[in-house]
C-alpha atoms as a PDB file:
ATOM      1  CA  TYR A   1     -65.500  24.333-150.776  1.00  0.00           C
ATOM      2  CA  SER A   2     -64.923  27.814-152.221  1.00  0.00           C
ATOM      3  CA  ALA A   3     -68.606  28.091-153.094  1.00  0.00           C
ATOM      4  CA  GLY A   4     -69.662  27.097-149.577  1.00  0.00           C
ATOM      5  CA  LEU A   5     -70.358  23.374-149.967  1.00  0.00           C
ATOM      6  CA  LEU A   6     -69.426  21.170-146.994  1.00  0.00           C
ATOM      7  CA  SER A   7     -68.967  17.449-146.414  1.00  0.00           C
ATOM      8  CA  GLY A   8     -72.374  15.901-145.729  1.00  0.00           C
ATOM      9  CA  ASP A   9     -74.288  18.191-148.110  1.00  0.00           C
ATOM     10  CA  LYS A  10     -76.741  16.395-150.405  1.00  0.00           C
ATOM     11  CA  ILE A  11     -76.786  17.373-154.089  1.00  0.00           C
ATOM     12  CA  LEU A  12     -80.407  16.934-155.165  1.00  0.00           C
ATOM     13  CA  GLU A  13     -80.235  18.391-158.681  1.00  0.00           C
ATOM     14  CA  VAL A  14     -77.578  19.276-161.265  1.00  0.00           C
ATOM     15  CA  ASP A  15     -78.851  21.889-163.759  1.00  0.00           C
ATOM     16  CA  GLY A  16     -82.405  20.769-162.994  1.00  0.00           C
ATOM     17  CA  TRP A  17     -81.591  17.050-163.439  1.00  0.00           C
ATOM     18  CA  GLU A  18     -82.522  15.012-160.339  1.00  0.00           C
ATOM     19  CA  THR A  19     -79.686  12.917-158.880  1.00  0.00           C
ATOM     20  CA  SER A  20     -81.983  10.457-157.086  1.00  0.00           C
ATOM     21  CA  GLY A  21     -81.740   6.948-158.524  1.00  0.00           C
ATOM     22  CA  HIS A  22     -78.564   7.641-160.501  1.00  0.00           C
ATOM     23  CA  THR A  23     -75.041   6.304-159.982  1.00  0.00           C
ATOM     24  CA  SER A  24     -72.083   8.365-158.787  1.00  0.00           C
ATOM     25  CA  ASP A  25     -70.497   8.148-162.236  1.00  0.00           C
ATOM     26  CA  GLU A  26     -73.634   9.565-163.862  1.00  0.00           C
ATOM     27  CA  ILE A  27     -73.800  12.410-161.367  1.00  0.00           C
ATOM     28  CA  ILE A  28     -70.095  13.206-161.704  1.00  0.00           C
ATOM     29  CA  SER A  29     -70.388  13.331-165.489  1.00  0.00           C
ATOM     30  CA  ARG A  30     -73.060  16.021-165.063  1.00  0.00           C
ATOM     31  CA  LEU A  31     -71.034  17.965-162.506  1.00  0.00           C
ATOM     32  CA  LYS A  32     -67.838  18.023-164.535  1.00  0.00           C
ATOM     33  CA  GLY A  33     -67.403  20.093-167.679  1.00  0.00           C
ATOM     34  CA  ARG A  34     -65.261  22.647-169.431  1.00  0.00           C
ATOM     35  CA  PRO A  35     -63.468  25.145-167.162  1.00  0.00           C
ATOM     36  CA  ASP A  36     -65.197  28.527-166.697  1.00  0.00           C
ATOM     37  CA  THR A  37     -68.660  27.124-167.484  1.00  0.00           C
ATOM     38  CA  PRO A  38     -71.429  27.351-164.837  1.00  0.00           C
ATOM     39  CA  VAL A  39     -73.299  24.486-163.198  1.00  0.00           C
ATOM     40  CA  THR A  40     -76.349  25.089-160.993  1.00  0.00           C
ATOM     41  CA  LEU A  41     -76.878  22.783-158.007  1.00  0.00           C
ATOM     42  CA  LYS A  42     -79.807  22.250-155.690  1.00  0.00           C
ATOM     43  CA  VAL A  43     -78.323  21.365-152.302  1.00  0.00           C
ATOM     44  CA  PHE A  44     -79.734  20.309-148.943  1.00  0.00           C
ATOM     45  CA  ARG A  45     -77.798  20.419-145.667  1.00  0.00           C
ATOM     46  CA  PRO A  46     -78.859  18.942-142.302  1.00  0.00           C
ATOM     47  CA  GLY A  47     -80.253  21.819-140.242  1.00  0.00           C
ATOM     48  CA  TRP A  48     -81.627  23.735-143.232  1.00  0.00           C
ATOM     49  CA  GLN A  49     -85.370  24.227-143.528  1.00  0.00           C
ATOM     50  CA  GLU A  50     -85.303  23.807-147.307  1.00  0.00           C
ATOM     51  CA  ALA A  51     -82.884  23.101-150.139  1.00  0.00           C
ATOM     52  CA  GLN A  52     -80.779  25.952-151.517  1.00  0.00           C
ATOM     53  CA  THR A  53     -79.802  26.650-155.126  1.00  0.00           C
ATOM     54  CA  MET A  54     -76.268  27.777-155.954  1.00  0.00           C
ATOM     55  CA  THR A  55     -74.370  28.292-159.192  1.00  0.00           C
ATOM     56  CA  ILE A  56     -70.716  27.232-159.318  1.00  0.00           C
ATOM     57  CA  VAL A  57     -68.239  28.103-162.059  1.00  0.00           C
ATOM     58  CA  ARG A  58     -66.201  25.053-163.041  1.00  0.00           C
ATOM     59  CA  LYS A  59     -62.426  25.303-162.649  1.00  0.00           C
ATOM     60  CA  GLU A  60     -59.442  23.008-162.873  1.00  0.00           C
ATOM     61  CA  VAL A  61     -59.056  22.214-159.202  1.00  0.00           C
ATOM     62  CA  HIS A  62     -55.857  21.607-157.258  1.00  0.00           C
ATOM     63  CA  VAL A  63     -56.884  20.772-153.701  1.00  0.00           C
ATOM     64  CA  PRO A  64     -54.351  21.599-150.973  1.00  0.00           C
ATOM     65  CA  ALA A  65     -53.894  18.949-148.320  1.00  0.00           C
ATOM     66  CA  VAL A  66     -53.438  21.554-145.557  1.00  0.00           C
ATOM     67  CA  ASN A  67     -54.885  25.010-144.888  1.00  0.00           C
ATOM     68  CA  TRP A  68     -53.438  27.086-142.076  1.00  0.00           C
ATOM     69  CA  THR A  69     -53.517  30.460-140.365  1.00  0.00           C
ATOM     70  CA  MET A  70     -52.638  32.134-137.064  1.00  0.00           C
ATOM     71  CA  LEU A  71     -55.455  32.612-134.551  1.00  0.00           C
ATOM     72  CA  PRO A  72     -55.716  35.302-131.860  1.00  0.00           C
ATOM     73  CA  GLY A  73     -53.654  34.268-128.857  1.00  0.00           C
ATOM     74  CA  ASP A  74     -50.757  33.080-131.006  1.00  0.00           C
ATOM     75  CA  VAL A  75     -52.276  29.684-131.740  1.00  0.00           C
ATOM     76  CA  GLY A  76     -51.597  28.023-135.077  1.00  0.00           C
ATOM     77  CA  TYR A  77     -54.671  26.586-136.795  1.00  0.00           C
ATOM     78  CA  LEU A  78     -54.025  23.758-139.291  1.00  0.00           C
ATOM     79  CA  GLU A  79     -56.860  22.124-141.230  1.00  0.00           C
ATOM     80  CA  LEU A  80     -56.096  18.745-142.804  1.00  0.00           C
ATOM     81  CA  VAL A  81     -58.293  18.652-145.907  1.00  0.00           C
ATOM     82  CA  ASN A  82     -57.298  15.120-146.917  1.00  0.00           C
ATOM     83  CA  PHE A  83     -54.619  12.477-146.432  1.00  0.00           C
ATOM     84  CA  SER A  84     -53.170  12.606-149.920  1.00  0.00           C
ATOM     85  CA  ALA A  85     -49.579  11.665-150.718  1.00  0.00           C
ATOM     86  CA  ASN A  86     -48.340  15.217-150.078  1.00  0.00           C
ATOM     87  CA  VAL A  87     -50.049  15.862-146.733  1.00  0.00           C
ATOM     88  CA  ALA A  88     -46.897  15.294-144.641  1.00  0.00           C
ATOM     89  CA  SER A  89     -44.763  17.764-146.588  1.00  0.00           C
ATOM     90  CA  GLU A  90     -47.542  20.387-146.583  1.00  0.00           C
ATOM     91  CA  LEU A  91     -48.079  19.852-142.845  1.00  0.00           C
ATOM     92  CA  GLU A  92     -44.377  20.373-142.162  1.00  0.00           C
ATOM     93  CA  THR A  93     -44.439  23.613-144.160  1.00  0.00           C
ATOM     94  CA  ALA A  94     -47.484  24.806-142.215  1.00  0.00           C
ATOM     95  CA  LEU A  95     -46.011  23.895-138.827  1.00  0.00           C
ATOM     96  CA  LYS A  96     -42.721  25.641-139.555  1.00  0.00           C
ATOM     97  CA  ASP A  97     -44.606  28.726-140.705  1.00  0.00           C
ATOM     98  CA  VAL A  98     -46.815  29.107-137.618  1.00  0.00           C
ATOM     99  CA  MET A  99     -43.951  28.248-135.253  1.00  0.00           C
ATOM    100  CA  SER A 100     -41.758  30.890-136.900  1.00  0.00           C
ATOM    101  CA  LYS A 101     -44.559  33.391-136.199  1.00  0.00           C
ATOM    102  CA  GLY A 102     -44.484  32.586-132.482  1.00  0.00           C
ATOM    103  CA  ALA A 103     -47.242  29.992-132.098  1.00  0.00           C
ATOM    104  CA  VAL A 104     -47.664  28.816-128.498  1.00  0.00           C
ATOM    105  CA  GLY A 105     -50.053  25.980-129.364  1.00  0.00           C
ATOM    106  CA  ILE A 106     -51.513  24.093-132.344  1.00  0.00           C
ATOM    107  CA  VAL A 107     -55.106  23.305-133.306  1.00  0.00           C
ATOM    108  CA  LEU A 108     -55.203  20.410-135.787  1.00  0.00           C
ATOM    109  CA  ASP A 109     -58.588  20.189-137.519  1.00  0.00           C
ATOM    110  CA  VAL A 110     -59.595  16.831-139.069  1.00  0.00           C
ATOM    111  CA  ARG A 111     -63.331  17.525-139.085  1.00  0.00           C
ATOM    112  CA  ASN A 112     -65.000  16.480-142.359  1.00  0.00           C
ATOM    113  CA  ASN A 113     -61.787  14.696-143.373  1.00  0.00           C
ATOM    114  CA  THR A 114     -62.856  11.268-144.609  1.00  0.00           C
ATOM    115  CA  GLY A 115     -59.322   9.852-144.721  1.00  0.00           C
ATOM    116  CA  GLY A 116     -56.844   8.619-147.294  1.00  0.00           C
ATOM    117  CA  PHE A 117     -53.511   6.814-147.181  1.00  0.00           C
ATOM    118  CA  LEU A 118     -52.867   4.988-143.890  1.00  0.00           C
ATOM    119  CA  THR A 119     -49.137   5.640-144.206  1.00  0.00           C
ATOM    120  CA  GLN A 120     -49.820   9.375-144.372  1.00  0.00           C
ATOM    121  CA  ALA A 121     -51.634   9.192-141.036  1.00  0.00           C
ATOM    122  CA  ARG A 122     -48.404   7.785-139.591  1.00  0.00           C
ATOM    123  CA  GLU A 123     -46.438  10.669-141.127  1.00  0.00           C
ATOM    124  CA  VAL A 124     -48.825  13.223-139.623  1.00  0.00           C
ATOM    125  CA  VAL A 125     -48.620  11.686-136.143  1.00  0.00           C
ATOM    126  CA  GLU A 126     -44.824  11.507-136.208  1.00  0.00           C
ATOM    127  CA  LYS A 127     -44.611  15.298-136.662  1.00  0.00           C
ATOM    128  CA  PHE A 128     -45.827  15.565-133.055  1.00  0.00           C
ATOM    129  CA  VAL A 129     -44.600  12.369-131.355  1.00  0.00           C
ATOM    130  CA  GLU A 130     -40.918  11.857-130.560  1.00  0.00           C
ATOM    131  CA  GLY A 131     -39.030   8.574-130.806  1.00  0.00           C
ATOM    132  CA  LYS A 132     -40.333   5.257-132.104  1.00  0.00           C
ATOM    133  CA  LYS A 133     -43.970   4.893-131.054  1.00  0.00           C
ATOM    134  CA  LEU A 134     -46.731   2.672-132.423  1.00  0.00           C
ATOM    135  CA  VAL A 135     -49.291   4.600-134.459  1.00  0.00           C
ATOM    136  CA  VAL A 136     -51.527   1.816-135.781  1.00  0.00           C
ATOM    137  CA  PHE A 137     -51.459  -1.879-136.622  1.00  0.00           C
ATOM    138  CA  THR A 138     -53.569  -3.968-138.995  1.00  0.00           C
ATOM    139  CA  GLN A 139     -54.553  -7.598-138.552  1.00  0.00           C
ATOM    140  CA  GLY A 140     -57.105  -9.999-140.020  1.00  0.00           C
ATOM    141  CA  PRO A 141     -58.081 -13.682-140.112  1.00  0.00           C
ATOM    142  CA  SER A 142     -55.691 -14.355-143.009  1.00  0.00           C
ATOM    143  CA  GLU A 143     -53.605 -11.180-142.765  1.00  0.00           C
ATOM    144  CA  LYS A 144     -50.487 -11.069-140.604  1.00  0.00           C
ATOM    145  CA  LYS A 145     -50.148  -8.299-138.065  1.00  0.00           C
ATOM    146  CA  LYS A 146     -48.502  -5.235-139.600  1.00  0.00           C
ATOM    147  CA  GLU A 147     -47.340  -2.385-137.389  1.00  0.00           C
ATOM    148  CA  TYR A 148     -46.658   1.251-138.269  1.00  0.00           C
ATOM    149  CA  PHE A 149     -44.303   3.217-135.988  1.00  0.00           C
ATOM    150  CA  THR A 150     -43.179   6.828-135.888  1.00  0.00           C
ATOM    151  CA  ARG A 151     -39.623   7.309-137.120  1.00  0.00           C
ATOM    152  CA  ASN A 152     -38.356  10.044-134.813  1.00  0.00           C
ATOM    153  CA  ASN A 153     -39.333  12.836-137.224  1.00  0.00           C
ATOM    154  CA  ALA A 154     -41.033  15.085-134.666  1.00  0.00           C
ATOM    155  CA  ILE A 155     -40.747  18.809-135.347  1.00  0.00           C
ATOM    156  CA  CYS A 156     -43.422  20.206-133.001  1.00  0.00           C
ATOM    157  CA  LYS A 157     -43.474  19.988-129.200  1.00  0.00           C
ATOM    158  CA  LEU A 158     -46.163  22.633-128.683  1.00  0.00           C
ATOM    159  CA  PRO A 159     -49.451  21.866-126.862  1.00  0.00           C
ATOM    160  CA  LEU A 160     -51.870  20.267-129.327  1.00  0.00           C
ATOM    161  CA  ALA A 161     -55.654  20.045-129.704  1.00  0.00           C
ATOM    162  CA  VAL A 162     -57.346  17.955-132.412  1.00  0.00           C
ATOM    163  CA  LEU A 163     -60.865  18.781-133.640  1.00  0.00           C
ATOM    164  CA  THR A 164     -63.100  15.881-134.754  1.00  0.00           C
ATOM    165  CA  ASN A 165     -66.682  15.342-135.887  1.00  0.00           C
ATOM    166  CA  PRO A 166     -68.838  12.486-137.307  1.00  0.00           C
ATOM    167  CA  PHE A 167     -67.271  12.952-140.761  1.00  0.00           C
ATOM    168  CA  SER A 168     -63.729  12.339-139.452  1.00  0.00           C
ATOM    169  CA  ALA A 169     -63.012   8.839-140.726  1.00  0.00           C
ATOM    170  CA  SER A 170     -60.303   6.277-141.425  1.00  0.00           C
ATOM    171  CA  ALA A 171     -56.901   8.038-141.479  1.00  0.00           C
ATOM    172  CA  SER A 172     -58.419  10.937-139.504  1.00  0.00           C
ATOM    173  CA  GLU A 173     -59.405   8.498-136.775  1.00  0.00           C
ATOM    174  CA  ILE A 174     -55.953   6.937-136.769  1.00  0.00           C
ATOM    175  CA  THR A 175     -54.380  10.374-136.360  1.00  0.00           C
ATOM    176  CA  ALA A 176     -56.712  11.534-133.589  1.00  0.00           C
ATOM    177  CA  GLY A 177     -56.751   8.163-131.814  1.00  0.00           C
ATOM    178  CA  ALA A 178     -52.975   7.672-131.854  1.00  0.00           C
ATOM    179  CA  LEU A 179     -52.341  11.189-130.539  1.00  0.00           C
ATOM    180  CA  GLN A 180     -54.958  10.556-127.853  1.00  0.00           C
ATOM    181  CA  ASP A 181     -53.500   7.170-126.848  1.00  0.00           C
ATOM    182  CA  HIS A 182     -50.010   8.662-126.522  1.00  0.00           C
ATOM    183  CA  LYS A 183     -51.505  11.526-124.473  1.00  0.00           C
ATOM    184  CA  ARG A 184     -49.990  13.951-126.955  1.00  0.00           C
ATOM    185  CA  ALA A 185     -53.199  15.820-127.811  1.00  0.00           C
ATOM    186  CA  LEU A 186     -56.554  16.838-126.390  1.00  0.00           C
ATOM    187  CA  ILE A 187     -59.383  15.653-128.671  1.00  0.00           C
ATOM    188  CA  ILE A 188     -62.238  18.155-128.909  1.00  0.00           C
ATOM    189  CA  GLY A 189     -65.541  18.008-130.764  1.00  0.00           C
ATOM    190  CA  GLU A 190     -67.725  15.018-131.622  1.00  0.00           C
ATOM    191  CA  ARG A 191     -67.265  11.243-131.910  1.00  0.00           C
ATOM    192  CA  THR A 192     -65.658  10.191-135.196  1.00  0.00           C
ATOM    193  CA  TYR A 193     -67.277   8.107-137.954  1.00  0.00           C
ATOM    194  CA  GLY A 194     -66.081   4.644-136.928  1.00  0.00           C
ATOM    195  CA  LYS A 195     -64.318   3.232-139.989  1.00  0.00           C
ATOM    196  CA  GLY A 196     -61.652   0.705-139.013  1.00  0.00           C
ATOM    197  CA  THR A 197     -61.495  -1.857-141.810  1.00  0.00           C
ATOM    198  CA  VAL A 198     -58.907  -2.633-144.482  1.00  0.00           C
ATOM    199  CA  GLN A 199     -60.480  -3.615-147.806  1.00  0.00           C
ATOM    200  CA  ASN A 200     -59.116  -5.000-151.066  1.00  0.00           C
ATOM    201  CA  MET A 201     -60.730  -4.786-154.495  1.00  0.00           C
ATOM    202  CA  MET A 202     -60.692  -8.197-156.168  1.00  0.00           C
ATOM    203  CA  PRO A 203     -61.719  -8.749-159.829  1.00  0.00           C
ATOM    204  CA  LEU A 204     -64.269 -11.429-160.644  1.00  0.00           C
ATOM    205  CA  ALA A 205     -63.585 -13.827-163.528  1.00  0.00           C
ATOM    206  CA  SER A 206     -67.304 -13.870-164.362  1.00  0.00           C
ATOM    207  CA  GLU A 207     -67.074 -10.368-165.837  1.00  0.00           C
ATOM    208  CA  PRO A 208     -63.445  -9.380-166.490  1.00  0.00           C
ATOM    209  CA  GLY A 209     -62.440  -5.807-167.216  1.00  0.00           C
ATOM    210  CA  GLU A 210     -61.570  -4.616-170.697  1.00  0.00           C
ATOM    211  CA  ARG A 211     -57.966  -5.002-171.823  1.00  0.00           C
ATOM    212  CA  PHE A 212     -55.952  -1.795-172.082  1.00  0.00           C
ATOM    213  CA  GLU A 213     -52.459  -0.572-172.894  1.00  0.00           C
ATOM    214  CA  ASP A 214     -50.746   0.363-169.616  1.00  0.00           C
ATOM    215  CA  LEU A 215     -48.607   3.239-170.894  1.00  0.00           C
ATOM    216  CA  ASN A 216     -47.289   4.305-167.492  1.00  0.00           C
ATOM    217  CA  ASP A 217     -46.979   0.796-165.975  1.00  0.00           C
ATOM    218  CA  ASP A 218     -49.074   1.617-162.908  1.00  0.00           C
ATOM    219  CA  GLY A 219     -51.370  -1.384-163.259  1.00  0.00           C
ATOM    220  CA  ALA A 220     -54.524   0.700-163.669  1.00  0.00           C
ATOM    221  CA  TRP A 221     -56.261   2.293-166.638  1.00  0.00           C
ATOM    222  CA  GLN A 222     -55.791   6.061-166.887  1.00  0.00           C
ATOM    223  CA  GLU A 223     -57.558   8.587-169.089  1.00  0.00           C
ATOM    224  CA  GLY A 224     -56.002   8.568-172.555  1.00  0.00           C
ATOM    225  CA  GLU A 225     -54.702   4.995-172.508  1.00  0.00           C
ATOM    226  CA  PRO A 226     -56.006   2.850-175.427  1.00  0.00           C
ATOM    227  CA  PHE A 227     -58.477   0.117-174.448  1.00  0.00           C
ATOM    228  CA  GLU A 228     -60.616  -2.601-175.975  1.00  0.00           C
ATOM    229  CA  ASP A 229     -64.178  -1.243-176.077  1.00  0.00           C
ATOM    230  CA  ARG A 230     -65.970  -4.598-176.033  1.00  0.00           C
ATOM    231  CA  ASN A 231     -69.505  -3.272-175.582  1.00  0.00           C
ATOM    232  CA  GLY A 232     -69.096  -0.174-177.752  1.00  0.00           C
ATOM    233  CA  ASN A 233     -70.101   2.328-175.051  1.00  0.00           C
ATOM    234  CA  LYS A 234     -66.936   4.389-175.626  1.00  0.00           C
ATOM    235  CA  LYS A 235     -66.046   4.105-171.914  1.00  0.00           C
ATOM    236  CA  PHE A 236     -63.467   1.907-170.191  1.00  0.00           C
ATOM    237  CA  ASP A 237     -65.197  -0.777-168.125  1.00  0.00           C
ATOM    238  CA  VAL A 238     -63.233  -2.121-165.162  1.00  0.00           C
ATOM    239  CA  GLY A 239     -65.411  -5.226-164.925  1.00  0.00           C
ATOM    240  CA  ALA A 240     -67.013  -6.815-161.890  1.00  0.00           C
ATOM    241  CA  HIS A 241     -65.160  -6.590-158.583  1.00  0.00           C
ATOM    242  CA  ILE A 242     -65.810  -7.510-155.001  1.00  0.00           C
ATOM    243  CA  LYS A 243     -64.659  -5.253-152.158  1.00  0.00           C
ATOM    244  CA  LEU A 244     -63.506  -7.676-149.475  1.00  0.00           C
ATOM    245  CA  THR A 245     -62.663  -6.727-145.895  1.00  0.00           C
ATOM    246  CA  VAL A 246     -59.389  -8.501-145.130  1.00  0.00           C
ATOM    247  CA  ALA A 247     -58.348  -6.877-141.845  1.00  0.00           C
ATOM    248  CA  LYS A 248     -59.112  -4.248-139.247  1.00  0.00           C
ATOM    249  CA  TYR A 249     -56.818  -1.562-137.943  1.00  0.00           C
ATOM    250  CA  TYR A 250     -56.140  -0.989-134.272  1.00  0.00           C
ATOM    251  CA  LEU A 251     -54.861   2.029-132.365  1.00  0.00           C
ATOM    252  CA  PRO A 252     -51.842   1.854-130.003  1.00  0.00           C
ATOM    253  CA  SER A 253     -54.053   0.973-127.011  1.00  0.00           C
ATOM    254  CA  GLY A 254     -55.392  -2.032-128.956  1.00  0.00           C
ATOM    255  CA  ARG A 255     -58.862  -0.591-129.556  1.00  0.00           C
ATOM    256  CA  CYS A 256     -60.456  -0.774-132.997  1.00  0.00           C
ATOM    257  CA  PRO A 257     -62.510   2.294-133.918  1.00  0.00           C
ATOM    258  CA  HIS A 258     -64.757   0.365-136.312  1.00  0.00           C
ATOM    259  CA  ARG A 259     -68.496   0.705-135.736  1.00  0.00           C
ATOM    260  CA  GLU A 260     -69.667  -2.882-136.098  1.00  0.00           C
ATOM    261  CA  PHE A 261     -73.218  -4.202-135.942  1.00  0.00           C
ATOM    262  CA  ASP A 262     -74.495  -7.636-134.965  1.00  0.00           C
ATOM    263  CA  LYS A 263     -77.154  -9.596-136.895  1.00  0.00           C
ATOM    264  CA  ASN A 264     -79.886  -7.683-135.045  1.00  0.00           C
ATOM    265  CA  GLY A 265     -78.496  -4.322-136.108  1.00  0.00           C
ATOM    266  CA  LYS A 266     -77.127  -3.422-132.675  1.00  0.00           C
ATOM    267  CA  ILE A 267     -73.674  -1.914-132.229  1.00  0.00           C
ATOM    268  CA  VAL A 268     -71.238  -4.537-130.919  1.00  0.00           C
ATOM    269  CA  ASP A 269     -68.793  -2.204-129.135  1.00  0.00           C
ATOM    270  CA  PRO A 270     -70.259   0.990-127.591  1.00  0.00           C
ATOM    271  CA  SER A 271     -66.786   2.573-127.508  1.00  0.00           C
ATOM    272  CA  TRP A 272     -66.511   2.649-131.342  1.00  0.00           C
ATOM    273  CA  GLY A 273     -64.835   5.570-133.072  1.00  0.00           C
ATOM    274  CA  VAL A 274     -62.616   8.072-131.318  1.00  0.00           C
ATOM    275  CA  ILE A 275     -64.473   9.657-128.421  1.00  0.00           C
ATOM    276  CA  PRO A 276     -63.363  13.247-127.677  1.00  0.00           C
ATOM    277  CA  ASP A 277     -61.821  14.163-124.356  1.00  0.00           C
ATOM    278  CA  LYS A 278     -63.993  17.281-124.479  1.00  0.00           C
ATOM    279  CA  LYS A 279     -67.326  16.850-126.293  1.00  0.00           C
ATOM    280  CA  LEU A 280     -68.498  19.981-128.052  1.00  0.00           C
ATOM    281  CA  ASP A 281     -71.160  20.118-130.756  1.00  0.00           C
ATOM    282  CA  LEU A 282     -70.714  22.320-133.809  1.00  0.00           C
ATOM    283  CA  LEU A 283     -73.921  24.309-134.222  1.00  0.00           C
ATOM    284  CA  ASP A 284     -75.042  24.822-137.818  1.00  0.00           C
ATOM    285  CA  ASN A 285     -75.420  28.388-139.022  1.00  0.00           C
ATOM    286  CA  LYS A 286     -78.399  29.613-140.959  1.00  0.00           C
ATOM    287  CA  PRO A 287     -77.952  29.323-144.746  1.00  0.00           C
ATOM    288  CA  GLU A 288     -77.631  33.081-145.174  1.00  0.00           C
ATOM    289  CA  GLU A 289     -74.896  33.169-142.521  1.00  0.00           C
ATOM    290  CA  ASP A 290     -72.996  30.338-144.237  1.00  0.00           C
ATOM    291  CA  ARG A 291     -72.928  32.281-147.491  1.00  0.00           C
ATOM    292  CA  LYS A 292     -71.370  35.261-145.735  1.00  0.00           C
ATOM    293  CA  SER A 293     -68.710  33.419-143.745  1.00  0.00           C
ATOM    294  CA  THR A 294     -65.844  30.998-144.173  1.00  0.00           C
ATOM    295  CA  ARG A 295     -65.828  27.575-142.536  1.00  0.00           C
ATOM    296  CA  LEU A 296     -63.227  28.900-140.116  1.00  0.00           C
ATOM    297  CA  ASN A 297     -65.577  31.658-138.979  1.00  0.00           C
ATOM    298  CA  SER A 298     -68.644  29.416-138.911  1.00  0.00           C
ATOM    299  CA  SER A 299     -66.939  26.997-136.500  1.00  0.00           C
ATOM    300  CA  HIS A 300     -65.520  29.690-134.218  1.00  0.00           C
ATOM    301  CA  THR A 301     -67.096  28.156-131.069  1.00  0.00           C
ATOM    302  CA  VAL A 302     -65.204  24.870-131.339  1.00  0.00           C
ATOM    303  CA  ILE A 303     -61.942  26.548-132.357  1.00  0.00           C
ATOM    304  CA  SER A 304     -62.209  29.174-129.620  1.00  0.00           C
ATOM    305  CA  TYR A 305     -62.734  26.425-127.063  1.00  0.00           C
ATOM    306  CA  ALA A 306     -59.668  24.572-128.383  1.00  0.00           C
ATOM    307  CA  VAL A 307     -57.595  27.747-128.049  1.00  0.00           C
ATOM    308  CA  PHE A 308     -58.885  28.182-124.472  1.00  0.00           C
ATOM    309  CA  CYS A 309     -57.887  24.593-123.609  1.00  0.00           C
ATOM    310  CA  LEU A 310     -54.395  25.079-125.033  1.00  0.00           C
ATOM    311  CA  LYS A 311     -53.834  28.237-123.038  1.00  0.00           C
END
């Protein structure tokens, strides 16, 4: 992010090594390394004429869940980077900060946010919605209906606009869709990704994972915990698993944002995803302009329009 990479960029090479045909784990092992050492990437972005080469210095990274600033016109701009476990507390800090500075409206940006914890989406929504209101419910063929309500923790009554794009998925769609259904926010931008399924990872007995010593009792192997290296590859092997869809999630209006296809490859429900109230495309800058500007500056058209709508 600091070097200018965005969600949707394709990493073609890592230090001259082609990523095509290799697994995510192999690519990640090439990307990671000792702090303060350089790694050179060849990157392609939709809209570019050709791939670009950039060198990034590795650092120990602590990613904030929320970035925020004040925009001209006394509008608070809050970007949700992810839906990690601390997003609600960081969002509350950001809201209190911009409101103390005299914000008259809020722009909540979930573009390029691919989601995270479902419960955190509920905690984001309840910062803006008063009382006990349904945020989302999950239900499946063998899964009982489970509902998630706000808990009267609203701290912001200001006019609200939410920015979305095709990389807004899962928890981002829950947030935008719930605020839209409760008529609490104006959704601006592009249709969201369309991810509305709940999946469980289930181990297969045919190829069990290696035994390990669970030092922190969290039920999962963590770096540094002793394990039985059955195949001698000096890496912990989780074994074969199947990712099984057990339920779908539904927004307060009862709609499911999931983009589902039939056996012929056609979309079943044309109203998939969260469709903006105001559709506005984000035009890509030229590569040289991207290197000179922040993401906030490069998306000034969408944000300026959101500010206009709030005022």
